[in-house]
PDB file of N, CA and C in Angstrom:
ATOM      1  N   MET A   1     -14.545   4.928  -1.702  1.00  0.00           N
ATOM      2  CA  MET A   1     -13.568   4.265  -2.106  1.00  0.00           C
ATOM      3  C   MET A   1     -12.471   4.926  -3.322  1.00  0.00           C
ATOM      4  N   ILE A   2     -11.307   4.496  -3.264  1.00  0.00           N
ATOM      5  CA  ILE A   2     -10.475   5.175  -4.529  1.00  0.00           C
ATOM      6  C   ILE A   2     -10.170   3.865  -5.258  1.00  0.00           C
ATOM      7  N   PRO A   3     -10.448   3.933  -6.242  1.00  0.00           N
ATOM      8  CA  PRO A   3      -9.965   2.891  -7.261  1.00  0.00           C
ATOM      9  C   PRO A   3      -8.536   2.752  -7.485  1.00  0.00           C
ATOM     10  N   PHE A   4      -7.798   1.920  -6.868  1.00  0.00           N
ATOM     11  CA  PHE A   4      -6.458   1.716  -6.926  1.00  0.00           C
ATOM     12  C   PHE A   4      -5.734   1.406  -8.064  1.00  0.00           C
ATOM     13  N   THR A   5      -6.683   0.803  -9.331  1.00  0.00           N
ATOM     14  CA  THR A   5      -6.246   0.297 -10.277  1.00  0.00           C
ATOM     15  C   THR A   5      -5.745   1.358 -11.127  1.00  0.00           C
ATOM     16  N   ASP A   6      -6.386   2.582 -10.908  1.00  0.00           N
ATOM     17  CA  ASP A   6      -5.731   3.852 -11.759  1.00  0.00           C
ATOM     18  C   ASP A   6      -4.354   4.057 -11.568  1.00  0.00           C
ATOM     19  N   THR A   7      -4.094   4.005 -10.143  1.00  0.00           N
ATOM     20  CA  THR A   7      -2.736   4.389  -9.636  1.00  0.00           C
ATOM     21  C   THR A   7      -1.686   3.338 -10.119  1.00  0.00           C
ATOM     22  N   LEU A   8      -2.203   2.000 -10.165  1.00  0.00           N
ATOM     23  CA  LEU A   8      -1.127   1.186 -10.627  1.00  0.00           C
ATOM     24  C   LEU A   8      -1.102   1.330 -11.858  1.00  0.00           C
ATOM     25  N   LYS A   9      -1.896   1.662 -12.811  1.00  0.00           N
ATOM     26  CA  LYS A   9      -1.661   1.862 -14.229  1.00  0.00           C
ATOM     27  C   LYS A   9      -0.662   3.005 -14.377  1.00  0.00           C
ATOM     28  N   ASN A  10      -0.860   3.934 -13.415  1.00  0.00           N
ATOM     29  CA  ASN A  10       0.358   5.108 -13.645  1.00  0.00           C
ATOM     30  C   ASN A  10       1.265   5.004 -13.046  1.00  0.00           C
ATOM     31  N   ILE A  11       1.501   4.044 -12.378  1.00  0.00           N
ATOM     32  CA  ILE A  11       2.936   3.629 -11.987  1.00  0.00           C
ATOM     33  C   ILE A  11       3.757   2.613 -12.946  1.00  0.00           C
ATOM     34  N   GLU A  12       2.889   1.860 -13.677  1.00  0.00           N
ATOM     35  CA  GLU A  12       3.396   1.302 -14.629  1.00  0.00           C
ATOM     36  C   GLU A  12       3.935   2.196 -15.821  1.00  0.00           C
ATOM     37  N   ARG A  13       3.140   3.212 -16.420  1.00  0.00           N
ATOM     38  CA  ARG A  13       3.409   4.140 -17.118  1.00  0.00           C
ATOM     39  C   ARG A  13       4.571   4.831 -16.930  1.00  0.00           C
ATOM     40  N   MET A  14       5.097   4.982 -15.671  1.00  0.00           N
ATOM     41  CA  MET A  14       6.350   5.983 -15.066  1.00  0.00           C
ATOM     42  C   MET A  14       7.478   4.638 -15.393  1.00  0.00           C
ATOM     43  N   GLY A  15       7.066   3.185 -16.008  1.00  0.00           N
ATOM     44  CA  GLY A  15       8.316   2.596 -15.812  1.00  0.00           C
ATOM     45  C   GLY A  15       8.706   2.099 -14.770  1.00  0.00           C
ATOM     46  N   LEU A  16       8.390   1.838 -13.695  1.00  0.00           N
ATOM     47  CA  LEU A  16       8.595   1.368 -12.416  1.00  0.00           C
ATOM     48  C   LEU A  16       7.934  -0.014 -12.444  1.00  0.00           C
ATOM     49  N   LYS A  17       8.982  -0.976 -12.096  1.00  0.00           N
ATOM     50  CA  LYS A  17       8.818  -2.293 -12.089  1.00  0.00           C
ATOM     51  C   LYS A  17       8.719  -2.984 -10.517  1.00  0.00           C
ATOM     52  N   GLN A  18       7.806  -3.812 -10.434  1.00  0.00           N
ATOM     53  CA  GLN A  18       7.877  -4.394  -8.999  1.00  0.00           C
ATOM     54  C   GLN A  18       8.875  -5.156  -8.641  1.00  0.00           C
ATOM     55  N   ASP A  19       9.662  -5.025  -7.494  1.00  0.00           N
ATOM     56  CA  ASP A  19      10.642  -5.605  -7.334  1.00  0.00           C
ATOM     57  C   ASP A  19      10.325  -7.236  -6.536  1.00  0.00           C
ATOM     58  N   GLN A  20       8.993  -7.450  -6.367  1.00  0.00           N
ATOM     59  CA  GLN A  20       8.826  -8.633  -5.698  1.00  0.00           C
ATOM     60  C   GLN A  20       7.209  -8.829  -5.696  1.00  0.00           C
ATOM     61  N   LEU A  21       6.700  -9.681  -5.210  1.00  0.00           N
ATOM     62  CA  LEU A  21       5.208 -10.006  -5.355  1.00  0.00           C
ATOM     63  C   LEU A  21       4.584  -9.064  -4.265  1.00  0.00           C
ATOM     64  N   GLN A  22       3.237  -8.868  -4.149  1.00  0.00           N
ATOM     65  CA  GLN A  22       2.718  -8.111  -3.291  1.00  0.00           C
ATOM     66  C   GLN A  22       2.913  -8.741  -1.977  1.00  0.00           C
ATOM     67  N   ILE A  23       3.377  -8.019  -0.561  1.00  0.00           N
ATOM     68  CA  ILE A  23       3.385  -8.260   0.668  1.00  0.00           C
ATOM     69  C   ILE A  23       2.128  -8.075   1.414  1.00  0.00           C
ATOM     70  N   PRO A  24       1.657  -9.102   2.029  1.00  0.00           N
ATOM     71  CA  PRO A  24       0.260  -9.103   2.725  1.00  0.00           C
ATOM     72  C   PRO A  24       0.651  -8.336   3.784  1.00  0.00           C
ATOM     73  N   MET A  25      -0.457  -7.274   4.200  1.00  0.00           N
ATOM     74  CA  MET A  25      -0.357  -6.787   5.536  1.00  0.00           C
ATOM     75  C   MET A  25      -1.233  -7.300   6.595  1.00  0.00           C
ATOM     76  N   LYS A  26      -1.103  -7.412   7.595  1.00  0.00           N
ATOM     77  CA  LYS A  26      -1.771  -8.133   8.865  1.00  0.00           C
ATOM     78  C   LYS A  26      -1.890  -6.942   9.851  1.00  0.00           C
ATOM     79  N   SER A  27      -3.142  -6.985  10.722  1.00  0.00           N
ATOM     80  CA  SER A  27      -3.111  -6.354  11.972  1.00  0.00           C
ATOM     81  C   SER A  27      -3.696  -7.934  12.635  1.00  0.00           C
ATOM     82  N   GLY A  28      -2.457  -8.362  13.553  1.00  0.00           N
ATOM     83  CA  GLY A  28      -2.813  -9.340  14.474  1.00  0.00           C
ATOM     84  C   GLY A  28      -3.016 -10.631  13.555  1.00  0.00           C
ATOM     85  N   THR A  29      -4.479 -11.097  13.322  1.00  0.00           N
ATOM     86  CA  THR A  29      -4.846 -12.089  12.266  1.00  0.00           C
ATOM     87  C   THR A  29      -5.624 -11.702  11.354  1.00  0.00           C
ATOM     88  N   GLN A  30      -6.061 -10.475  11.362  1.00  0.00           N
ATOM     89  CA  GLN A  30      -6.886  -9.762  10.267  1.00  0.00           C
ATOM     90  C   GLN A  30      -5.914  -9.266   9.286  1.00  0.00           C
ATOM     91  N   HIS A  31      -6.230  -9.790   7.999  1.00  0.00           N
ATOM     92  CA  HIS A  31      -5.766  -9.256   6.621  1.00  0.00           C
ATOM     93  C   HIS A  31      -6.231  -7.709   6.250  1.00  0.00           C
ATOM     94  N   ILE A  32      -5.498  -7.222   6.275  1.00  0.00           N
ATOM     95  CA  ILE A  32      -5.746  -5.368   6.164  1.00  0.00           C
ATOM     96  C   ILE A  32      -5.369  -4.957   5.060  1.00  0.00           C
ATOM     97  N   GLY A  33      -4.595  -5.374   4.028  1.00  0.00           N
ATOM     98  CA  GLY A  33      -4.099  -5.119   2.822  1.00  0.00           C
ATOM     99  C   GLY A  33      -2.691  -5.713   2.285  1.00  0.00           C
ATOM    100  N   PHE A  34      -2.258  -4.858   1.309  1.00  0.00           N
ATOM    101  CA  PHE A  34      -1.101  -5.485   0.615  1.00  0.00           C
ATOM    102  C   PHE A  34      -0.078  -4.100   0.547  1.00  0.00           C
ATOM    103  N   VAL A  35       1.433  -4.409   0.513  1.00  0.00           N
ATOM    104  CA  VAL A  35       2.423  -3.532   0.183  1.00  0.00           C
ATOM    105  C   VAL A  35       2.895  -4.115  -1.181  1.00  0.00           C
ATOM    106  N   ARG A  36       3.336  -3.252  -2.139  1.00  0.00           N
ATOM    107  CA  ARG A  36       3.905  -3.349  -3.305  1.00  0.00           C
ATOM    108  C   ARG A  36       5.300  -2.510  -3.444  1.00  0.00           C
ATOM    109  N   ASN A  37       6.464  -3.041  -3.391  1.00  0.00           N
ATOM    110  CA  ASN A  37       7.615  -2.422  -3.480  1.00  0.00           C
ATOM    111  C   ASN A  37       8.263  -2.380  -5.345  1.00  0.00           C
ATOM    112  N   TYR A  38       8.850  -1.119  -5.405  1.00  0.00           N
ATOM    113  CA  TYR A  38       9.170  -1.130  -6.698  1.00  0.00           C
ATOM    114  C   TYR A  38      10.936  -0.877  -6.766  1.00  0.00           C
ATOM    115  N   GLU A  39      11.053  -1.629  -7.963  1.00  0.00           N
ATOM    116  CA  GLU A  39      12.729  -1.103  -8.291  1.00  0.00           C
ATOM    117  C   GLU A  39      12.787   0.333  -8.872  1.00  0.00           C
ATOM    118  N   ASN A  40      13.574   1.011  -7.885  1.00  0.00           N
ATOM    119  CA  ASN A  40      14.061   2.410  -8.571  1.00  0.00           C
ATOM    120  C   ASN A  40      14.920   2.956  -7.289  1.00  0.00           C
ATOM    121  N   LYS A  41      15.373   3.999  -7.863  1.00  0.00           N
ATOM    122  CA  LYS A  41      16.396   4.815  -6.805  1.00  0.00           C
ATOM    123  C   LYS A  41      15.601   5.649  -5.756  1.00  0.00           C
ATOM    124  N   LYS A  42      14.309   5.862  -5.927  1.00  0.00           N
ATOM    125  CA  LYS A  42      13.436   6.646  -4.918  1.00  0.00           C
ATOM    126  C   LYS A  42      12.710   5.953  -3.925  1.00  0.00           C
ATOM    127  N   ASN A  43      12.929   4.617  -4.129  1.00  0.00           N
ATOM    128  CA  ASN A  43      12.173   3.637  -3.315  1.00  0.00           C
ATOM    129  C   ASN A  43      10.623   3.820  -2.676  1.00  0.00           C
ATOM    130  N   VAL A  44      10.065   3.810  -4.061  1.00  0.00           N
ATOM    131  CA  VAL A  44       8.534   3.706  -4.161  1.00  0.00           C
ATOM    132  C   VAL A  44       8.035   2.356  -3.451  1.00  0.00           C
ATOM    133  N   ARG A  45       7.033   2.759  -2.790  1.00  0.00           N
ATOM    134  CA  ARG A  45       6.058   1.709  -1.854  1.00  0.00           C
ATOM    135  C   ARG A  45       4.527   2.123  -2.421  1.00  0.00           C
ATOM    136  N   PHE A  46       3.763   1.110  -2.515  1.00  0.00           N
ATOM    137  CA  PHE A  46       2.599   1.383  -2.626  1.00  0.00           C
ATOM    138  C   PHE A  46       1.448   0.608  -1.704  1.00  0.00           C
ATOM    139  N   TYR A  47       0.824   1.212  -1.047  1.00  0.00           N
ATOM    140  CA  TYR A  47       0.145   0.346   0.021  1.00  0.00           C
ATOM    141  C   TYR A  47      -1.315   0.232  -0.334  1.00  0.00           C
ATOM    142  N   ILE A  48      -2.139  -0.897  -0.202  1.00  0.00           N
ATOM    143  CA  ILE A  48      -3.572  -0.947  -0.323  1.00  0.00           C
ATOM    144  C   ILE A  48      -3.960  -1.388   0.889  1.00  0.00           C
ATOM    145  N   LEU A  49      -4.903  -0.710   0.914  1.00  0.00           N
ATOM    146  CA  LEU A  49      -5.721  -0.941   2.402  1.00  0.00           C
ATOM    147  C   LEU A  49      -6.937  -1.161   2.003  1.00  0.00           C
ATOM    148  N   LYS A  50      -7.567  -2.557   2.585  1.00  0.00           N
ATOM    149  CA  LYS A  50      -8.714  -2.948   2.118  1.00  0.00           C
ATOM    150  C   LYS A  50      -9.908  -2.284   2.920  1.00  0.00           C
ATOM    151  N   GLY A  51     -10.499  -1.866   2.053  1.00  0.00           N
ATOM    152  CA  GLY A  51     -11.921  -1.223   2.713  1.00  0.00           C
ATOM    153  C   GLY A  51     -11.969   0.423   3.270  1.00  0.00           C
ATOM    154  N   ALA A  52     -10.588   0.921   2.749  1.00  0.00           N
ATOM    155  CA  ALA A  52     -10.070   2.322   3.214  1.00  0.00           C
ATOM    156  C   ALA A  52     -10.828   3.258   2.281  1.00  0.00           C
ATOM    157  N   GLY A  53     -11.217   4.492   2.223  1.00  0.00           N
ATOM    158  CA  GLY A  53     -11.619   5.595   1.510  1.00  0.00           C
ATOM    159  C   GLY A  53     -10.442   6.346   1.379  1.00  0.00           C
ATOM    160  N   HIS A  54     -10.758   7.566   1.039  1.00  0.00           N
ATOM    161  CA  HIS A  54      -9.774   8.839   0.641  1.00  0.00           C
ATOM    162  C   HIS A  54      -9.306   9.019   1.813  1.00  0.00           C
ATOM    163  N   GLU A  55      -9.807   9.281   3.083  1.00  0.00           N
ATOM    164  CA  GLU A  55      -9.337   9.162   4.414  1.00  0.00           C
ATOM    165  C   GLU A  55      -9.229   7.939   5.068  1.00  0.00           C
ATOM    166  N   ALA A  56      -8.272   7.307   4.817  1.00  0.00           N
ATOM    167  CA  ALA A  56      -7.987   5.867   5.339  1.00  0.00           C
ATOM    168  C   ALA A  56      -7.969   6.292   7.134  1.00  0.00           C
ATOM    169  N   VAL A  57      -7.387   7.145   7.736  1.00  0.00           N
ATOM    170  CA  VAL A  57      -7.197   6.889   9.211  1.00  0.00           C
ATOM    171  C   VAL A  57      -9.101   7.279   9.699  1.00  0.00           C
ATOM    172  N   ALA A  58      -9.711   7.645   9.038  1.00  0.00           N
ATOM    173  CA  ALA A  58     -11.177   7.784   9.392  1.00  0.00           C
ATOM    174  C   ALA A  58     -12.076   6.679   9.042  1.00  0.00           C
ATOM    175  N   TYR A  59     -11.734   5.999   8.032  1.00  0.00           N
ATOM    176  CA  TYR A  59     -12.577   4.776   7.361  1.00  0.00           C
ATOM    177  C   TYR A  59     -11.918   3.455   8.129  1.00  0.00           C
ATOM    178  N   LYS A  60     -10.373   3.269   8.386  1.00  0.00           N
ATOM    179  CA  LYS A  60      -9.900   2.196   8.770  1.00  0.00           C
ATOM    180  C   LYS A  60      -8.580   2.574   9.726  1.00  0.00           C
ATOM    181  N   PRO A  61      -8.943   2.934  10.952  1.00  0.00           N
ATOM    182  CA  PRO A  61      -7.907   3.564  11.841  1.00  0.00           C
ATOM    183  C   PRO A  61      -6.934   2.703  12.028  1.00  0.00           C
ATOM    184  N   GLU A  62      -7.237   1.485  12.569  1.00  0.00           N
ATOM    185  CA  GLU A  62      -6.222   0.373  12.660  1.00  0.00           C
ATOM    186  C   GLU A  62      -5.382   0.090  11.668  1.00  0.00           C
ATOM    187  N   ALA A  63      -5.829  -0.196  10.138  1.00  0.00           N
ATOM    188  CA  ALA A  63      -4.921  -0.308   9.253  1.00  0.00           C
ATOM    189  C   ALA A  63      -4.077   0.758   8.961  1.00  0.00           C
ATOM    190  N   ALA A  64      -4.696   2.027   8.547  1.00  0.00           N
ATOM    191  CA  ALA A  64      -3.809   3.182   8.776  1.00  0.00           C
ATOM    192  C   ALA A  64      -2.627   3.155   9.715  1.00  0.00           C
ATOM    193  N   TYR A  65      -2.741   3.112  10.964  1.00  0.00           N
ATOM    194  CA  TYR A  65      -1.836   2.998  11.946  1.00  0.00           C
ATOM    195  C   TYR A  65      -0.710   1.830  11.642  1.00  0.00           C
ATOM    196  N   GLN A  66      -1.327   0.889  11.070  1.00  0.00           N
ATOM    197  CA  GLN A  66      -0.508  -0.356  10.845  1.00  0.00           C
ATOM    198  C   GLN A  66       0.343   0.140   9.596  1.00  0.00           C
ATOM    199  N   MET A  67      -0.103   0.718   8.692  1.00  0.00           N
ATOM    200  CA  MET A  67       0.697   0.845   7.636  1.00  0.00           C
ATOM    201  C   MET A  67       1.780   2.140   7.975  1.00  0.00           C
ATOM    202  N   PHE A  68       1.207   3.015   8.764  1.00  0.00           N
ATOM    203  CA  PHE A  68       2.188   4.066   9.375  1.00  0.00           C
ATOM    204  C   PHE A  68       3.391   3.363   9.853  1.00  0.00           C
ATOM    205  N   VAL A  69       3.248   2.734  10.527  1.00  0.00           N
ATOM    206  CA  VAL A  69       4.292   2.004  11.565  1.00  0.00           C
ATOM    207  C   VAL A  69       5.288   1.240  10.726  1.00  0.00           C
ATOM    208  N   GLN A  70       4.729   0.400   9.641  1.00  0.00           N
ATOM    209  CA  GLN A  70       5.426  -0.359   8.546  1.00  0.00           C
ATOM    210  C   GLN A  70       6.243   0.728   7.868  1.00  0.00           C
ATOM    211  N   PHE A  71       5.795   1.607   7.179  1.00  0.00           N
ATOM    212  CA  PHE A  71       6.468   2.852   6.602  1.00  0.00           C
ATOM    213  C   PHE A  71       7.541   3.113   7.461  1.00  0.00           C
ATOM    214  N   LEU A  72       7.548   3.579   8.610  1.00  0.00           N
ATOM    215  CA  LEU A  72       8.427   4.147   9.295  1.00  0.00           C
ATOM    216  C   LEU A  72       9.560   2.941   9.542  1.00  0.00           C
ATOM    217  N   SER A  73       9.382   1.767   9.646  1.00  0.00           N
ATOM    218  CA  SER A  73      10.288   0.682  10.127  1.00  0.00           C
ATOM    219  C   SER A  73      10.868   0.362   8.788  1.00  0.00           C
ATOM    220  N   ALA A  74      10.424   0.609   7.575  1.00  0.00           N
ATOM    221  CA  ALA A  74      11.111   0.158   6.387  1.00  0.00           C
ATOM    222  C   ALA A  74      12.160   1.004   6.122  1.00  0.00           C
TER     223      ALA A  74
END
């Protein structure tokens, strides 16, 4: 597993501010993670997939697919 808390600290250090609360991600009725959007000109999004490791596709393929679909539709 990758500790996402360090990534969140680095995003904070970059001066990026969250533009809304975390948005829960679901696959059907199952909660699979969260999305955080940040206010900036580069449209940064941070996805947190529950139980996924460094290679999310290998650990949680359905969650990784849902993240990919959501990324493309945003």
